Amino acid sequence: MIPNIFFATTIIFIAIGFLLLQECAFLIPYRTLLLEKYGRVITLFAGLLFFNLFALMYLIVRKLLLKETGRKLAHIEKQLRTGESISEELSRRLSE
C-alpha cells in the first residue's frame, strides 16, 4: 500500500512542478539569482509539500479502502476462536 501511495504522490508532485514551471516562465532570466538566494527555502518548501501530499494521500486511501477492517478482523477472530468455517490449522496456531 505504501509504495502505491508514494508513486501517486510523486505523480501529483511532478504535475504540480510542471504546472509551476509553465506558469512561472517569466522568472527564467532570474533563475541563478533565485536558486542562489532562495534555493534552500524552495527545497524545504518542496519537501514539506511532498510530505503533506503523502500524508493526505495516505489518509484518503485509509478512509476509502480500509473502512471496515476492524469489523472484518473481529469476524475472522471470532471464527478462529470458535473453530467454525476456518481451517483447523489456523485455530490450532491461535490457541498456542
Protein backbone atom coordinates (compact mmCIF):
# COMPACT_ATOMS: atom_id res chain seq x y z
CA MET A 1 0.00 0.00 0.00
CA ILE A 2 2.78 2.47 0.92
CA PRO A 3 4.67 2.12 -2.41
CA ASN A 4 1.44 2.81 -4.32
CA ILE A 5 0.77 5.91 -2.25
CA PHE A 6 4.36 7.05 -2.74
CA PHE A 7 4.02 6.57 -6.51
CA ALA A 8 0.73 8.52 -6.64
CA THR A 9 2.20 11.31 -4.51
CA THR A 10 5.23 11.51 -6.80
CA ILE A 11 3.00 11.78 -9.88
CA ILE A 12 0.94 14.58 -8.30
CA PHE A 13 4.09 16.36 -7.11
CA ILE A 14 5.64 16.22 -10.59
CA ALA A 15 2.39 17.52 -12.12
CA ILE A 16 2.40 20.46 -9.69
CA GLY A 17 6.05 21.08 -10.59
CA PHE A 18 5.32 21.16 -14.32
CA LEU A 19 2.37 23.47 -13.72
CA LEU A 20 4.57 25.85 -11.73
CA LEU A 21 7.29 25.75 -14.37
CA GLN A 22 4.76 26.64 -17.02
CA GLU A 23 3.19 29.48 -15.01
CA CYS A 24 6.50 31.00 -13.84
CA ALA A 25 8.25 31.08 -17.22
CA PHE A 26 8.83 34.83 -16.81
CA LEU A 27 11.32 34.07 -13.99
CA ILE A 28 13.73 32.16 -16.27
CA PRO A 29 16.16 35.11 -16.64
CA TYR A 30 16.47 35.28 -12.83
CA ARG A 31 16.95 31.53 -12.34
CA THR A 32 20.52 31.64 -10.97
CA LEU A 33 19.76 34.53 -8.62
CA LEU A 34 16.64 32.81 -7.28
CA LEU A 35 18.40 29.48 -6.77
CA GLU A 36 21.39 31.07 -5.05
CA LYS A 37 19.34 33.22 -2.73
CA TYR A 38 16.25 31.08 -2.13
CA GLY A 39 17.35 27.57 -3.11
CA ARG A 40 17.25 26.18 0.42
CA VAL A 41 13.84 27.69 1.14
CA ILE A 42 12.43 26.35 -2.13
CA THR A 43 13.85 22.89 -1.37
CA LEU A 44 12.46 22.94 2.17
CA PHE A 45 9.03 24.04 0.92
CA ALA A 46 9.06 21.33 -1.78
CA GLY A 47 9.98 18.68 0.79
CA LEU A 48 7.22 19.78 3.15
CA LEU A 49 4.74 19.89 0.28
CA PHE A 50 5.69 16.34 -0.73
CA PHE A 51 5.37 15.12 2.87
CA ASN A 52 1.94 16.75 3.26
CA LEU A 53 0.74 15.35 -0.08
CA PHE A 54 1.91 11.91 1.01
CA ALA A 55 0.08 12.22 4.33
CA LEU A 56 -3.09 13.37 2.56
CA MET A 57 -2.94 10.51 0.07
CA TYR A 58 -2.32 8.02 2.89
CA LEU A 59 -5.32 9.36 4.81
CA ILE A 60 -7.57 9.19 1.74
CA VAL A 61 -6.52 5.62 0.93
CA ARG A 62 -7.05 4.50 4.53
CA LYS A 63 -10.51 6.06 4.64
CA LEU A 64 -11.59 4.66 1.27
CA LEU A 65 -10.00 1.22 1.23
CA LEU A 66 -9.86 0.26 4.91
CA LYS A 67 -13.35 1.31 6.01
CA GLU A 68 -14.49 -1.82 7.78
CA THR A 69 -11.20 -3.51 8.52
CA GLY A 70 -11.77 -3.66 12.28
CA ARG A 71 -15.17 -5.30 11.87
CA LYS A 72 -13.81 -7.80 9.36
CA LEU A 73 -10.87 -8.69 11.59
CA ALA A 74 -13.20 -9.14 14.57
CA HIS A 75 -15.32 -11.52 12.48
CA ILE A 76 -12.25 -13.56 11.46
CA GLU A 77 -11.02 -13.65 15.07
CA LYS A 78 -14.43 -14.90 16.19
CA GLN A 79 -14.28 -17.66 13.57
CA LEU A 80 -10.78 -18.62 14.67
CA ARG A 81 -11.75 -18.79 18.33
CA THR A 82 -14.86 -20.89 17.71
CA GLY A 83 -13.22 -23.04 15.04
CA GLU A 84 -16.10 -22.85 12.60
CA SER A 85 -15.61 -22.34 8.85
CA ILE A 86 -11.87 -21.75 9.27
CA SER A 87 -9.22 -24.37 8.87
CA GLU A 88 -8.24 -26.29 11.96
CA GLU A 89 -4.59 -25.37 11.49
CA LEU A 90 -5.30 -21.66 12.00
CA SER A 91 -7.37 -22.40 15.10
CA ARG A 92 -4.57 -24.56 16.47
CA ARG A 93 -1.98 -21.81 15.87
CA LEU A 94 -4.16 -19.26 17.65
CA SER A 95 -4.55 -21.48 20.73
CA GLU A 96 -0.77 -21.99 21.02
